[in-house]
N, C-alpha and C. Protein backbone atom coordinates (compact mmCIF):
# COMPACT_ATOMS: atom_id res chain seq x y z
N MET A 1 -1.48 13.46 10.87
CA MET A 1 -0.31 13.71 11.65
C MET A 1 0.92 13.39 10.80
N LYS A 2 1.90 14.27 10.81
CA LYS A 2 3.16 14.04 10.09
C LYS A 2 4.25 13.72 11.10
N LEU A 3 5.02 12.71 10.79
CA LEU A 3 6.16 12.35 11.62
C LEU A 3 7.42 12.81 10.91
N THR A 4 8.32 13.46 11.64
CA THR A 4 9.46 14.09 10.98
C THR A 4 10.82 13.59 11.46
N THR A 5 10.84 12.59 12.33
CA THR A 5 12.11 11.99 12.75
C THR A 5 11.94 10.47 12.85
N LEU A 6 13.04 9.77 12.75
CA LEU A 6 13.00 8.32 12.87
C LEU A 6 12.53 7.91 14.27
N ASP A 7 12.96 8.64 15.29
CA ASP A 7 12.52 8.34 16.66
C ASP A 7 11.01 8.52 16.81
N SER A 8 10.45 9.57 16.19
CA SER A 8 9.00 9.79 16.30
C SER A 8 8.23 8.67 15.60
N ILE A 9 8.79 8.14 14.52
CA ILE A 9 8.16 7.02 13.81
C ILE A 9 8.15 5.79 14.71
N LYS A 10 9.30 5.48 15.28
CA LYS A 10 9.41 4.30 16.15
C LYS A 10 8.50 4.42 17.36
N ASN A 11 8.44 5.61 17.95
CA ASN A 11 7.57 5.83 19.11
C ASN A 11 6.10 5.70 18.74
N PHE A 12 5.73 6.21 17.58
CA PHE A 12 4.35 6.12 17.10
C PHE A 12 3.92 4.65 16.98
N ILE A 13 4.78 3.84 16.39
CA ILE A 13 4.49 2.42 16.23
C ILE A 13 4.38 1.74 17.60
N LYS A 14 5.30 2.07 18.48
CA LYS A 14 5.36 1.45 19.81
C LYS A 14 4.17 1.83 20.70
N GLU A 15 3.71 3.07 20.59
CA GLU A 15 2.68 3.59 21.49
C GLU A 15 1.25 3.22 21.08
N ASN A 16 1.06 2.72 19.88
CA ASN A 16 -0.28 2.42 19.39
C ASN A 16 -0.45 0.94 19.12
N THR A 17 -1.57 0.39 19.58
CA THR A 17 -1.85 -1.03 19.37
C THR A 17 -1.90 -1.34 17.87
N MET A 18 -2.63 -0.53 17.12
CA MET A 18 -2.70 -0.70 15.67
C MET A 18 -2.41 0.65 15.03
N SER A 19 -1.37 0.69 14.20
CA SER A 19 -0.97 1.95 13.58
C SER A 19 -0.69 1.74 12.09
N ILE A 20 -0.85 2.82 11.35
CA ILE A 20 -0.60 2.81 9.91
C ILE A 20 0.34 3.96 9.58
N LEU A 21 1.41 3.63 8.86
CA LEU A 21 2.32 4.65 8.36
C LEU A 21 2.12 4.77 6.86
N TYR A 22 1.98 6.01 6.42
CA TYR A 22 1.79 6.32 5.00
C TYR A 22 3.05 7.04 4.53
N PHE A 23 3.89 6.36 3.76
CA PHE A 23 5.12 6.94 3.26
C PHE A 23 4.86 7.58 1.90
N SER A 24 5.25 8.84 1.77
CA SER A 24 5.03 9.56 0.51
C SER A 24 6.26 10.38 0.16
N SER A 25 6.23 10.91 -1.03
CA SER A 25 7.29 11.80 -1.51
C SER A 25 6.63 13.09 -1.98
N ASN A 26 7.31 14.21 -1.74
CA ASN A 26 6.71 15.48 -2.13
C ASN A 26 6.59 15.64 -3.65
N THR A 27 7.26 14.78 -4.41
CA THR A 27 7.16 14.85 -5.87
C THR A 27 6.16 13.84 -6.44
N CYS A 28 5.46 13.14 -5.56
CA CYS A 28 4.52 12.09 -5.97
C CYS A 28 3.09 12.62 -5.93
N ASN A 29 2.51 12.86 -7.10
CA ASN A 29 1.14 13.37 -7.17
C ASN A 29 0.13 12.33 -6.69
N VAL A 30 0.38 11.06 -6.99
CA VAL A 30 -0.51 10.00 -6.54
C VAL A 30 -0.56 9.96 -5.01
N CYS A 31 0.60 10.15 -4.39
CA CYS A 31 0.67 10.15 -2.92
C CYS A 31 -0.28 11.18 -2.31
N HIS A 32 -0.27 12.36 -2.88
CA HIS A 32 -1.08 13.45 -2.34
C HIS A 32 -2.57 13.25 -2.64
N ALA A 33 -2.88 12.59 -3.72
CA ALA A 33 -4.28 12.32 -4.06
C ALA A 33 -4.85 11.15 -3.25
N LEU A 34 -4.01 10.18 -2.94
CA LEU A 34 -4.47 8.98 -2.25
C LEU A 34 -4.62 9.19 -0.74
N TYR A 35 -3.79 10.02 -0.14
CA TYR A 35 -3.79 10.16 1.32
C TYR A 35 -5.16 10.52 1.89
N PRO A 36 -5.89 11.48 1.34
CA PRO A 36 -7.22 11.79 1.89
C PRO A 36 -8.18 10.59 1.86
N LYS A 37 -8.04 9.75 0.85
CA LYS A 37 -8.89 8.56 0.75
C LYS A 37 -8.52 7.54 1.83
N ILE A 38 -7.25 7.42 2.10
CA ILE A 38 -6.78 6.53 3.17
C ILE A 38 -7.26 7.06 4.52
N GLU A 39 -7.16 8.37 4.71
CA GLU A 39 -7.65 8.99 5.95
C GLU A 39 -9.13 8.70 6.15
N GLU A 40 -9.89 8.81 5.09
CA GLU A 40 -11.34 8.57 5.15
C GLU A 40 -11.65 7.14 5.60
N VAL A 41 -10.91 6.18 5.08
CA VAL A 41 -11.09 4.78 5.49
C VAL A 41 -10.74 4.61 6.96
N VAL A 42 -9.60 5.16 7.38
CA VAL A 42 -9.12 4.97 8.75
C VAL A 42 -10.06 5.63 9.77
N LEU A 43 -10.75 6.69 9.38
CA LEU A 43 -11.68 7.35 10.30
C LEU A 43 -12.80 6.41 10.77
N LYS A 44 -13.07 5.38 10.01
CA LYS A 44 -14.12 4.41 10.37
C LYS A 44 -13.68 3.48 11.51
N TYR A 45 -12.39 3.52 11.84
CA TYR A 45 -11.83 2.64 12.86
C TYR A 45 -11.19 3.48 13.97
N PRO A 46 -11.94 3.71 15.05
CA PRO A 46 -11.47 4.64 16.08
C PRO A 46 -10.20 4.21 16.81
N ASN A 47 -9.85 2.95 16.77
CA ASN A 47 -8.66 2.49 17.50
C ASN A 47 -7.40 2.43 16.66
N ILE A 48 -7.48 2.84 15.41
CA ILE A 48 -6.30 2.85 14.53
C ILE A 48 -5.77 4.27 14.46
N LYS A 49 -4.46 4.38 14.55
CA LYS A 49 -3.79 5.68 14.41
C LYS A 49 -3.05 5.72 13.08
N LEU A 50 -3.19 6.83 12.38
CA LEU A 50 -2.56 7.03 11.06
C LEU A 50 -1.57 8.18 11.13
N ALA A 51 -0.42 7.98 10.52
CA ALA A 51 0.57 9.06 10.42
C ALA A 51 1.22 9.02 9.04
N GLU A 52 1.60 10.19 8.59
CA GLU A 52 2.26 10.32 7.28
C GLU A 52 3.74 10.59 7.49
N VAL A 53 4.57 9.97 6.65
CA VAL A 53 6.01 10.20 6.67
C VAL A 53 6.40 10.69 5.28
N GLU A 54 6.84 11.93 5.21
CA GLU A 54 7.36 12.51 3.96
C GLU A 54 8.83 12.09 3.87
N ILE A 55 9.16 11.32 2.86
CA ILE A 55 10.48 10.71 2.78
C ILE A 55 11.61 11.74 2.73
N THR A 56 11.35 12.92 2.19
CA THR A 56 12.39 13.95 2.17
C THR A 56 12.67 14.51 3.56
N ASP A 57 11.69 14.40 4.47
CA ASP A 57 11.89 14.84 5.86
C ASP A 57 12.67 13.81 6.67
N VAL A 58 12.48 12.54 6.35
CA VAL A 58 13.11 11.45 7.12
C VAL A 58 13.68 10.42 6.14
N PRO A 59 14.73 10.79 5.40
CA PRO A 59 15.24 9.89 4.36
C PRO A 59 15.75 8.56 4.91
N GLU A 60 16.23 8.54 6.15
CA GLU A 60 16.73 7.29 6.73
C GLU A 60 15.61 6.28 6.97
N SER A 61 14.36 6.73 6.99
CA SER A 61 13.24 5.81 7.19
C SER A 61 13.08 4.87 6.00
N ALA A 62 13.52 5.29 4.82
CA ALA A 62 13.43 4.42 3.64
C ALA A 62 14.24 3.14 3.85
N GLY A 63 15.42 3.29 4.38
CA GLY A 63 16.25 2.12 4.66
C GLY A 63 15.73 1.32 5.84
N GLU A 64 15.29 2.01 6.87
CA GLU A 64 14.79 1.35 8.09
C GLU A 64 13.57 0.47 7.82
N TYR A 65 12.70 0.92 6.91
CA TYR A 65 11.44 0.21 6.65
C TYR A 65 11.36 -0.36 5.23
N SER A 66 12.49 -0.40 4.52
CA SER A 66 12.56 -0.98 3.16
C SER A 66 11.51 -0.38 2.23
N ILE A 67 11.53 0.94 2.13
CA ILE A 67 10.61 1.66 1.26
C ILE A 67 11.31 1.91 -0.08
N PHE A 68 10.78 1.32 -1.14
CA PHE A 68 11.40 1.44 -2.46
C PHE A 68 10.54 2.19 -3.47
N SER A 69 9.26 2.39 -3.15
CA SER A 69 8.37 3.11 -4.06
C SER A 69 7.32 3.85 -3.24
N PHE A 70 6.64 4.77 -3.91
CA PHE A 70 5.65 5.61 -3.22
C PHE A 70 4.33 5.57 -3.97
N PRO A 71 3.23 5.68 -3.28
CA PRO A 71 3.12 5.63 -1.83
C PRO A 71 3.30 4.20 -1.33
N THR A 72 3.73 4.08 -0.08
CA THR A 72 3.80 2.79 0.61
C THR A 72 3.06 2.94 1.93
N ILE A 73 2.21 1.97 2.21
CA ILE A 73 1.43 1.97 3.44
C ILE A 73 1.83 0.75 4.25
N LEU A 74 2.25 0.98 5.50
CA LEU A 74 2.60 -0.11 6.40
C LEU A 74 1.60 -0.16 7.54
N VAL A 75 1.11 -1.35 7.84
CA VAL A 75 0.16 -1.54 8.94
C VAL A 75 0.87 -2.34 10.03
N PHE A 76 0.81 -1.82 11.26
CA PHE A 76 1.46 -2.46 12.39
C PHE A 76 0.44 -2.82 13.46
N ILE A 77 0.63 -3.98 14.08
CA ILE A 77 -0.13 -4.36 15.27
C ILE A 77 0.89 -4.74 16.33
N ASP A 78 0.78 -4.09 17.48
CA ASP A 78 1.71 -4.32 18.59
C ASP A 78 3.17 -4.26 18.14
N GLY A 79 3.48 -3.27 17.28
CA GLY A 79 4.85 -3.05 16.86
C GLY A 79 5.35 -3.94 15.74
N LYS A 80 4.53 -4.86 15.25
CA LYS A 80 4.94 -5.77 14.19
C LYS A 80 4.22 -5.42 12.89
N GLU A 81 4.99 -5.36 11.80
CA GLU A 81 4.37 -5.09 10.50
C GLU A 81 3.56 -6.30 10.08
N ILE A 82 2.28 -6.06 9.77
CA ILE A 82 1.40 -7.17 9.37
C ILE A 82 0.87 -7.02 7.95
N ALA A 83 1.03 -5.84 7.36
CA ALA A 83 0.57 -5.64 5.98
C ALA A 83 1.36 -4.50 5.35
N ARG A 84 1.49 -4.61 4.03
CA ARG A 84 2.23 -3.59 3.26
C ARG A 84 1.54 -3.44 1.91
N LYS A 85 1.26 -2.20 1.54
CA LYS A 85 0.68 -1.89 0.23
C LYS A 85 1.58 -0.83 -0.41
N SER A 86 1.92 -1.02 -1.68
CA SER A 86 2.80 -0.06 -2.36
C SER A 86 2.32 0.25 -3.77
N ARG A 87 2.74 1.40 -4.23
CA ARG A 87 2.49 1.92 -5.57
C ARG A 87 1.02 2.05 -5.91
N ILE A 88 0.44 1.05 -6.50
CA ILE A 88 -0.96 1.12 -6.88
C ILE A 88 -1.78 0.47 -5.76
N VAL A 89 -2.48 1.31 -5.01
CA VAL A 89 -3.21 0.85 -3.83
C VAL A 89 -4.71 0.93 -4.11
N SER A 90 -5.36 -0.21 -4.02
CA SER A 90 -6.81 -0.27 -4.16
C SER A 90 -7.43 0.07 -2.81
N ILE A 91 -8.32 1.05 -2.78
CA ILE A 91 -8.98 1.43 -1.53
C ILE A 91 -9.80 0.26 -0.99
N ASP A 92 -10.48 -0.46 -1.85
CA ASP A 92 -11.28 -1.61 -1.41
C ASP A 92 -10.40 -2.69 -0.80
N ASP A 93 -9.27 -2.96 -1.42
CA ASP A 93 -8.33 -3.96 -0.91
C ASP A 93 -7.74 -3.51 0.43
N PHE A 94 -7.40 -2.23 0.50
CA PHE A 94 -6.86 -1.67 1.75
C PHE A 94 -7.89 -1.81 2.87
N GLN A 95 -9.13 -1.46 2.60
CA GLN A 95 -10.18 -1.55 3.61
C GLN A 95 -10.42 -3.00 4.02
N ALA A 96 -10.38 -3.92 3.09
CA ALA A 96 -10.56 -5.34 3.41
C ALA A 96 -9.45 -5.83 4.33
N THR A 97 -8.24 -5.40 4.08
CA THR A 97 -7.11 -5.76 4.94
C THR A 97 -7.32 -5.22 6.35
N ILE A 98 -7.72 -3.96 6.45
CA ILE A 98 -7.95 -3.33 7.76
C ILE A 98 -9.09 -4.04 8.48
N ASP A 99 -10.19 -4.33 7.78
CA ASP A 99 -11.33 -5.05 8.37
C ASP A 99 -10.88 -6.37 9.01
N LYS A 100 -10.10 -7.11 8.25
CA LYS A 100 -9.66 -8.43 8.69
C LYS A 100 -8.89 -8.35 10.01
N TYR A 101 -7.90 -7.47 10.06
CA TYR A 101 -7.06 -7.39 11.25
C TYR A 101 -7.74 -6.65 12.41
N TYR A 102 -8.54 -5.66 12.08
CA TYR A 102 -9.21 -4.87 13.13
C TYR A 102 -10.13 -5.76 13.95
N SER A 103 -10.86 -6.63 13.30
CA SER A 103 -11.78 -7.51 14.01
C SER A 103 -11.04 -8.50 14.89
N LEU A 104 -9.84 -8.85 14.52
CA LEU A 104 -9.03 -9.76 15.34
C LEU A 104 -8.46 -9.09 16.58
N VAL A 105 -8.13 -7.82 16.46
CA VAL A 105 -7.46 -7.09 17.55
C VAL A 105 -8.46 -6.43 18.50
N PHE A 106 -9.52 -5.85 17.94
CA PHE A 106 -10.44 -5.10 18.78
C PHE A 106 -11.76 -5.81 18.82
């Protein structure tokens, strides 16, 4: 799912108990290669919702969420940011983070 406005981003975070935002740039090749791997991990957790934010579509989101590099992954529980991964993201580390919080929430 792609979010294209700041309001849709805020609503996505608010409406889901556990949500993940994947911030990318259309000029970032790593972003496009990593996203399918992140999707694959998230599919293992039925109660987590994942959405992608293309920074060129919603440039104000960079300031709102302090995004300085790409890709950046933000994990939210009940509207609060609980984890952040940027630039070089290890899939194993990402999954370990999700495992830890998922078991606490669900």
